[in-house]
Amino acid sequence: MPARRAMETRRDRRRRALRWILGYAALCVALGLLTGVLWARITPLATYQVAADASASMPERQLVEIVAGDAYFVMIGFVVGLGLGVIGWRWLGRLGWTSVLITVLGVSLTALMCFLVGGILGPHDFESRLAAARPGDRVPIDLTLRTPIAFLAWAFGGVIPLLLASSLVRDPEEPRPLLPRRAARSGR
């Protein structure tokens, strides 16, 4: 009977862990959708000005905004990654090293969802929009990432809380040291 009870608790622990993992994955997908909308709405995009001779040019000040999509993606991702890292530690920390893997996968899923949703909601298909533009129109560039390295900011943000928590929090498997006799007698 005790072996069966231990097996049921092991099975219950697996089910509970799977529920927490699935909940974390659902949270990551939901945050990916929300951050994609945020990324598409707040990112200032560089625009091309269409001239009367059907040429398009961009002022020098606008050149800086070409990388705005990447910069905003990195900033959003680092903050969201930190939050998901804290949640990953709180929800999945007892799973050991697998919590790091699950957190990194979850944060990466969030980044991918943000990229896909932002790309759909933001301006896209630049060539056809530029071809359809009339003289005097301003045509914004596509909302996309110019460098795939921006995805690493999300994962880096997600790992930082796990590293800090695992190094600063007391290990529950280690026994607590006994208080010295002098400190116990003096009431400290």
C-alpha atoms as a PDB file:
ATOM      1  CA  MET A   1       0.000   0.000   0.000  1.00  0.00           C
ATOM      2  CA  PRO A   2       2.745   2.586   0.782  1.00  0.00           C
ATOM      3  CA  ALA A   3       4.398   1.916  -2.603  1.00  0.00           C
ATOM      4  CA  ARG A   4       1.095   2.577  -4.340  1.00  0.00           C
ATOM      5  CA  ARG A   5       0.612   5.764  -2.326  1.00  0.00           C
ATOM      6  CA  ALA A   6       4.129   6.921  -3.269  1.00  0.00           C
ATOM      7  CA  MET A   7       3.406   6.151  -6.922  1.00  0.00           C
ATOM      8  CA  GLU A   8       0.175   8.146  -6.788  1.00  0.00           C
ATOM      9  CA  THR A   9       1.974  11.103  -5.302  1.00  0.00           C
ATOM     10  CA  ARG A  10       4.649  10.882  -7.980  1.00  0.00           C
ATOM     11  CA  ARG A  11       1.918  10.806 -10.616  1.00  0.00           C
ATOM     12  CA  ASP A  12       0.130  13.683  -8.906  1.00  0.00           C
ATOM     13  CA  ARG A  13       3.360  15.688  -8.834  1.00  0.00           C
ATOM     14  CA  ARG A  14       3.871  15.094 -12.539  1.00  0.00           C
ATOM     15  CA  ARG A  15       0.309  16.176 -13.297  1.00  0.00           C
ATOM     16  CA  ARG A  16       0.670  19.269 -11.143  1.00  0.00           C
ATOM     17  CA  ALA A  17       3.987  20.141 -12.812  1.00  0.00           C
ATOM     18  CA  LEU A  18       2.429  19.618 -16.248  1.00  0.00           C
ATOM     19  CA  ARG A  19      -0.448  21.928 -15.304  1.00  0.00           C
ATOM     20  CA  TRP A  20       2.017  24.631 -14.214  1.00  0.00           C
ATOM     21  CA  ILE A  21       4.027  24.196 -17.419  1.00  0.00           C
ATOM     22  CA  LEU A  22       0.910  24.420 -19.588  1.00  0.00           C
ATOM     23  CA  GLY A  23      -0.253  27.467 -17.628  1.00  0.00           C
ATOM     24  CA  TYR A  24       3.132  29.073 -18.164  1.00  0.00           C
ATOM     25  CA  ALA A  25       2.962  28.300 -21.901  1.00  0.00           C
ATOM     26  CA  ALA A  26      -0.532  29.828 -22.105  1.00  0.00           C
ATOM     27  CA  LEU A  27       0.725  32.931 -20.298  1.00  0.00           C
ATOM     28  CA  CYS A  28       3.648  33.176 -22.729  1.00  0.00           C
ATOM     29  CA  VAL A  29       1.343  32.953 -25.756  1.00  0.00           C
ATOM     30  CA  ALA A  30      -1.038  35.564 -24.319  1.00  0.00           C
ATOM     31  CA  LEU A  31       1.849  37.922 -23.517  1.00  0.00           C
ATOM     32  CA  GLY A  32       3.248  37.355 -27.000  1.00  0.00           C
ATOM     33  CA  LEU A  33      -0.040  38.480 -28.522  1.00  0.00           C
ATOM     34  CA  LEU A  34      -0.245  41.543 -26.278  1.00  0.00           C
ATOM     35  CA  THR A  35       3.362  42.559 -26.794  1.00  0.00           C
ATOM     36  CA  GLY A  36       2.958  42.146 -30.554  1.00  0.00           C
ATOM     37  CA  VAL A  37       0.098  44.627 -30.480  1.00  0.00           C
ATOM     38  CA  LEU A  38       2.160  46.942 -28.275  1.00  0.00           C
ATOM     39  CA  TRP A  39       5.199  46.680 -30.553  1.00  0.00           C
ATOM     40  CA  ALA A  40       3.103  47.499 -33.621  1.00  0.00           C
ATOM     41  CA  ARG A  41       1.451  50.482 -31.932  1.00  0.00           C
ATOM     42  CA  ILE A  42       4.354  52.271 -30.255  1.00  0.00           C
ATOM     43  CA  THR A  43       7.217  51.785 -32.712  1.00  0.00           C
ATOM     44  CA  PRO A  44       7.980  54.946 -34.712  1.00  0.00           C
ATOM     45  CA  LEU A  45       8.846  53.948 -38.253  1.00  0.00           C
ATOM     46  CA  ALA A  46      10.947  55.820 -40.776  1.00  0.00           C
ATOM     47  CA  THR A  47       9.028  57.082 -43.794  1.00  0.00           C
ATOM     48  CA  TYR A  48       9.917  57.687 -47.399  1.00  0.00           C
ATOM     49  CA  GLN A  49       8.629  60.858 -49.069  1.00  0.00           C
ATOM     50  CA  VAL A  50       7.402  60.302 -52.632  1.00  0.00           C
ATOM     51  CA  ALA A  51       8.448  63.101 -55.024  1.00  0.00           C
ATOM     52  CA  ALA A  52       6.697  64.333 -58.150  1.00  0.00           C
ATOM     53  CA  ASP A  53       9.087  62.360 -60.386  1.00  0.00           C
ATOM     54  CA  ALA A  54       8.005  59.119 -58.579  1.00  0.00           C
ATOM     55  CA  SER A  55      11.288  58.853 -56.682  1.00  0.00           C
ATOM     56  CA  ALA A  56      11.302  58.290 -52.943  1.00  0.00           C
ATOM     57  CA  SER A  57      13.734  59.722 -50.438  1.00  0.00           C
ATOM     58  CA  MET A  58      14.189  59.750 -46.711  1.00  0.00           C
ATOM     59  CA  PRO A  59      15.451  62.716 -44.667  1.00  0.00           C
ATOM     60  CA  GLU A  60      18.559  62.162 -42.559  1.00  0.00           C
ATOM     61  CA  ARG A  61      16.594  62.385 -39.325  1.00  0.00           C
ATOM     62  CA  GLN A  62      14.443  59.469 -40.446  1.00  0.00           C
ATOM     63  CA  LEU A  63      17.472  57.226 -41.020  1.00  0.00           C
ATOM     64  CA  VAL A  64      17.818  56.731 -37.267  1.00  0.00           C
ATOM     65  CA  GLU A  65      14.296  55.342 -37.075  1.00  0.00           C
ATOM     66  CA  ILE A  66      15.153  52.470 -39.428  1.00  0.00           C
ATOM     67  CA  VAL A  67      16.394  50.510 -36.403  1.00  0.00           C
ATOM     68  CA  ALA A  68      13.516  51.645 -34.173  1.00  0.00           C
ATOM     69  CA  GLY A  69      11.702  48.348 -34.733  1.00  0.00           C
ATOM     70  CA  ASP A  70      14.680  46.444 -33.366  1.00  0.00           C
ATOM     71  CA  ALA A  71      15.212  48.840 -30.462  1.00  0.00           C
ATOM     72  CA  TYR A  72      11.603  48.731 -29.320  1.00  0.00           C
ATOM     73  CA  PHE A  73      11.488  44.944 -29.745  1.00  0.00           C
ATOM     74  CA  VAL A  74      14.583  44.605 -27.542  1.00  0.00           C
ATOM     75  CA  MET A  75      13.257  46.973 -24.860  1.00  0.00           C
ATOM     76  CA  ILE A  76       9.855  45.281 -24.714  1.00  0.00           C
ATOM     77  CA  GLY A  77      11.493  41.880 -24.764  1.00  0.00           C
ATOM     78  CA  PHE A  78      13.940  42.540 -21.977  1.00  0.00           C
ATOM     79  CA  VAL A  79      11.221  43.815 -19.635  1.00  0.00           C
ATOM     80  CA  VAL A  80       8.787  41.026 -20.520  1.00  0.00           C
ATOM     81  CA  GLY A  81      11.618  38.500 -20.274  1.00  0.00           C
ATOM     82  CA  LEU A  82      12.434  39.686 -16.751  1.00  0.00           C
ATOM     83  CA  GLY A  83       8.795  39.316 -15.748  1.00  0.00           C
ATOM     84  CA  LEU A  84       8.477  35.866 -17.293  1.00  0.00           C
ATOM     85  CA  GLY A  85      11.725  34.849 -15.611  1.00  0.00           C
ATOM     86  CA  VAL A  86      10.353  35.817 -12.198  1.00  0.00           C
ATOM     87  CA  ILE A  87       7.109  33.976 -12.908  1.00  0.00           C
ATOM     88  CA  GLY A  88       9.076  30.999 -14.229  1.00  0.00           C
ATOM     89  CA  TRP A  89      11.064  30.836 -11.003  1.00  0.00           C
ATOM     90  CA  ARG A  90       7.977  31.161  -8.804  1.00  0.00           C
ATOM     91  CA  TRP A  91       5.912  28.616 -10.730  1.00  0.00           C
ATOM     92  CA  LEU A  92       8.542  26.184 -11.962  1.00  0.00           C
ATOM     93  CA  GLY A  93      11.542  26.667  -9.663  1.00  0.00           C
ATOM     94  CA  ARG A  94      11.059  23.314  -7.938  1.00  0.00           C
ATOM     95  CA  LEU A  95      11.587  21.470 -11.206  1.00  0.00           C
ATOM     96  CA  GLY A  96      15.316  22.145 -10.981  1.00  0.00           C
ATOM     97  CA  TRP A  97      17.377  22.743 -14.093  1.00  0.00           C
ATOM     98  CA  THR A  98      14.387  22.029 -16.336  1.00  0.00           C
ATOM     99  CA  SER A  99      12.807  25.257 -15.102  1.00  0.00           C
ATOM    100  CA  VAL A 100      15.559  27.175 -16.915  1.00  0.00           C
ATOM    101  CA  LEU A 101      14.907  25.279 -20.133  1.00  0.00           C
ATOM    102  CA  ILE A 102      11.139  25.741 -19.868  1.00  0.00           C
ATOM    103  CA  THR A 103      11.524  29.444 -19.073  1.00  0.00           C
ATOM    104  CA  VAL A 104      13.862  30.056 -22.014  1.00  0.00           C
ATOM    105  CA  LEU A 105      11.518  28.163 -24.351  1.00  0.00           C
ATOM    106  CA  GLY A 106       8.521  30.089 -23.000  1.00  0.00           C
ATOM    107  CA  VAL A 107      10.217  33.463 -23.357  1.00  0.00           C
ATOM    108  CA  SER A 108      11.343  32.513 -26.881  1.00  0.00           C
ATOM    109  CA  LEU A 109       7.768  31.547 -27.730  1.00  0.00           C
ATOM    110  CA  THR A 110       6.624  34.946 -26.457  1.00  0.00           C
ATOM    111  CA  ALA A 111       9.223  36.700 -28.613  1.00  0.00           C
ATOM    112  CA  LEU A 112       8.167  34.723 -31.678  1.00  0.00           C
ATOM    113  CA  MET A 113       4.484  35.522 -31.077  1.00  0.00           C
ATOM    114  CA  CYS A 114       5.326  39.204 -30.624  1.00  0.00           C
ATOM    115  CA  PHE A 115       7.302  39.225 -33.871  1.00  0.00           C
ATOM    116  CA  LEU A 116       4.534  37.491 -35.837  1.00  0.00           C
ATOM    117  CA  VAL A 117       1.667  39.579 -34.439  1.00  0.00           C
ATOM    118  CA  GLY A 118       3.623  42.833 -34.761  1.00  0.00           C
ATOM    119  CA  GLY A 119       4.540  41.970 -38.333  1.00  0.00           C
ATOM    120  CA  ILE A 120       0.895  41.319 -39.201  1.00  0.00           C
ATOM    121  CA  LEU A 121      -0.468  44.437 -37.468  1.00  0.00           C
ATOM    122  CA  GLY A 122       2.318  46.794 -38.484  1.00  0.00           C
ATOM    123  CA  PRO A 123       2.984  48.069 -41.962  1.00  0.00           C
ATOM    124  CA  HIS A 124       4.150  45.366 -44.350  1.00  0.00           C
ATOM    125  CA  ASP A 125       4.510  44.830 -48.113  1.00  0.00           C
ATOM    126  CA  PHE A 126       6.525  48.021 -48.567  1.00  0.00           C
ATOM    127  CA  GLU A 127       7.096  47.641 -52.312  1.00  0.00           C
ATOM    128  CA  SER A 128       3.391  47.555 -53.195  1.00  0.00           C
ATOM    129  CA  ARG A 129       2.590  50.452 -50.854  1.00  0.00           C
ATOM    130  CA  LEU A 130       5.391  52.499 -52.394  1.00  0.00           C
ATOM    131  CA  ALA A 131       4.233  51.643 -55.927  1.00  0.00           C
ATOM    132  CA  ALA A 132       0.675  52.754 -55.084  1.00  0.00           C
ATOM    133  CA  ALA A 133       1.796  56.015 -53.429  1.00  0.00           C
ATOM    134  CA  ARG A 134       1.173  59.372 -55.071  1.00  0.00           C
ATOM    135  CA  PRO A 135       3.539  62.344 -55.067  1.00  0.00           C
ATOM    136  CA  GLY A 136       3.659  63.914 -51.597  1.00  0.00           C
ATOM    137  CA  ASP A 137       2.672  60.706 -49.783  1.00  0.00           C
ATOM    138  CA  ARG A 138       4.753  59.436 -46.907  1.00  0.00           C
ATOM    139  CA  VAL A 139       5.225  55.674 -46.936  1.00  0.00           C
ATOM    140  CA  PRO A 140       6.444  54.040 -43.681  1.00  0.00           C
ATOM    141  CA  ILE A 141       8.893  51.163 -43.872  1.00  0.00           C
ATOM    142  CA  ASP A 142       7.858  47.646 -42.831  1.00  0.00           C
ATOM    143  CA  LEU A 143       7.724  46.752 -39.164  1.00  0.00           C
ATOM    144  CA  THR A 144      10.240  43.960 -38.994  1.00  0.00           C
ATOM    145  CA  LEU A 145      13.495  43.072 -37.324  1.00  0.00           C
ATOM    146  CA  ARG A 146      16.676  44.009 -39.111  1.00  0.00           C
ATOM    147  CA  THR A 147      18.707  41.653 -36.921  1.00  0.00           C
ATOM    148  CA  PRO A 148      17.713  38.304 -35.393  1.00  0.00           C
ATOM    149  CA  ILE A 149      19.940  39.047 -32.384  1.00  0.00           C
ATOM    150  CA  ALA A 150      17.019  41.034 -30.953  1.00  0.00           C
ATOM    151  CA  PHE A 151      15.447  37.715 -29.915  1.00  0.00           C
ATOM    152  CA  LEU A 152      18.333  37.108 -27.517  1.00  0.00           C
ATOM    153  CA  ALA A 153      17.326  40.081 -25.355  1.00  0.00           C
ATOM    154  CA  TRP A 154      14.112  38.253 -24.513  1.00  0.00           C
ATOM    155  CA  ALA A 155      15.919  35.071 -23.454  1.00  0.00           C
ATOM    156  CA  PHE A 156      18.580  37.035 -21.574  1.00  0.00           C
ATOM    157  CA  GLY A 157      15.884  38.908 -19.644  1.00  0.00           C
ATOM    158  CA  GLY A 158      14.183  35.610 -18.811  1.00  0.00           C
ATOM    159  CA  VAL A 159      17.337  33.962 -17.502  1.00  0.00           C
ATOM    160  CA  ILE A 160      18.494  36.801 -15.236  1.00  0.00           C
ATOM    161  CA  PRO A 161      15.841  36.245 -12.507  1.00  0.00           C
ATOM    162  CA  LEU A 162      16.512  32.509 -12.556  1.00  0.00           C
ATOM    163  CA  LEU A 163      20.243  33.023 -12.128  1.00  0.00           C
ATOM    164  CA  LEU A 164      19.796  35.540  -9.342  1.00  0.00           C
ATOM    165  CA  ALA A 165      17.173  33.506  -7.508  1.00  0.00           C
ATOM    166  CA  SER A 166      19.090  30.245  -7.754  1.00  0.00           C
ATOM    167  CA  SER A 167      22.259  31.864  -6.432  1.00  0.00           C
ATOM    168  CA  LEU A 168      20.730  34.023  -3.690  1.00  0.00           C
ATOM    169  CA  VAL A 169      17.872  31.910  -2.320  1.00  0.00           C
ATOM    170  CA  ARG A 170      18.602  29.273   0.303  1.00  0.00           C
ATOM    171  CA  ASP A 171      18.573  25.726  -1.069  1.00  0.00           C
ATOM    172  CA  PRO A 172      15.607  23.903   0.505  1.00  0.00           C
ATOM    173  CA  GLU A 173      17.510  20.591   0.447  1.00  0.00           C
ATOM    174  CA  GLU A 174      20.344  21.873   2.636  1.00  0.00           C
ATOM    175  CA  PRO A 175      19.804  21.575   6.378  1.00  0.00           C
ATOM    176  CA  ARG A 176      19.601  24.801   8.320  1.00  0.00           C
ATOM    177  CA  PRO A 177      22.547  25.418  10.634  1.00  0.00           C
ATOM    178  CA  LEU A 178      21.804  25.259  14.349  1.00  0.00           C
ATOM    179  CA  LEU A 179      22.169  28.438  16.317  1.00  0.00           C
ATOM    180  CA  PRO A 180      25.221  28.607  18.555  1.00  0.00           C
ATOM    181  CA  ARG A 181      24.456  28.064  22.237  1.00  0.00           C
ATOM    182  CA  ARG A 182      25.474  31.581  23.242  1.00  0.00           C
ATOM    183  CA  ALA A 183      23.060  33.189  20.776  1.00  0.00           C
ATOM    184  CA  ALA A 184      20.252  30.861  21.886  1.00  0.00           C
ATOM    185  CA  ARG A 185      20.752  31.693  25.597  1.00  0.00           C
ATOM    186  CA  SER A 186      20.899  35.447  25.089  1.00  0.00           C
ATOM    187  CA  GLY A 187      17.565  35.433  23.201  1.00  0.00           C
ATOM    188  CA  ARG A 188      18.829  36.544  19.809  1.00  0.00           C
END
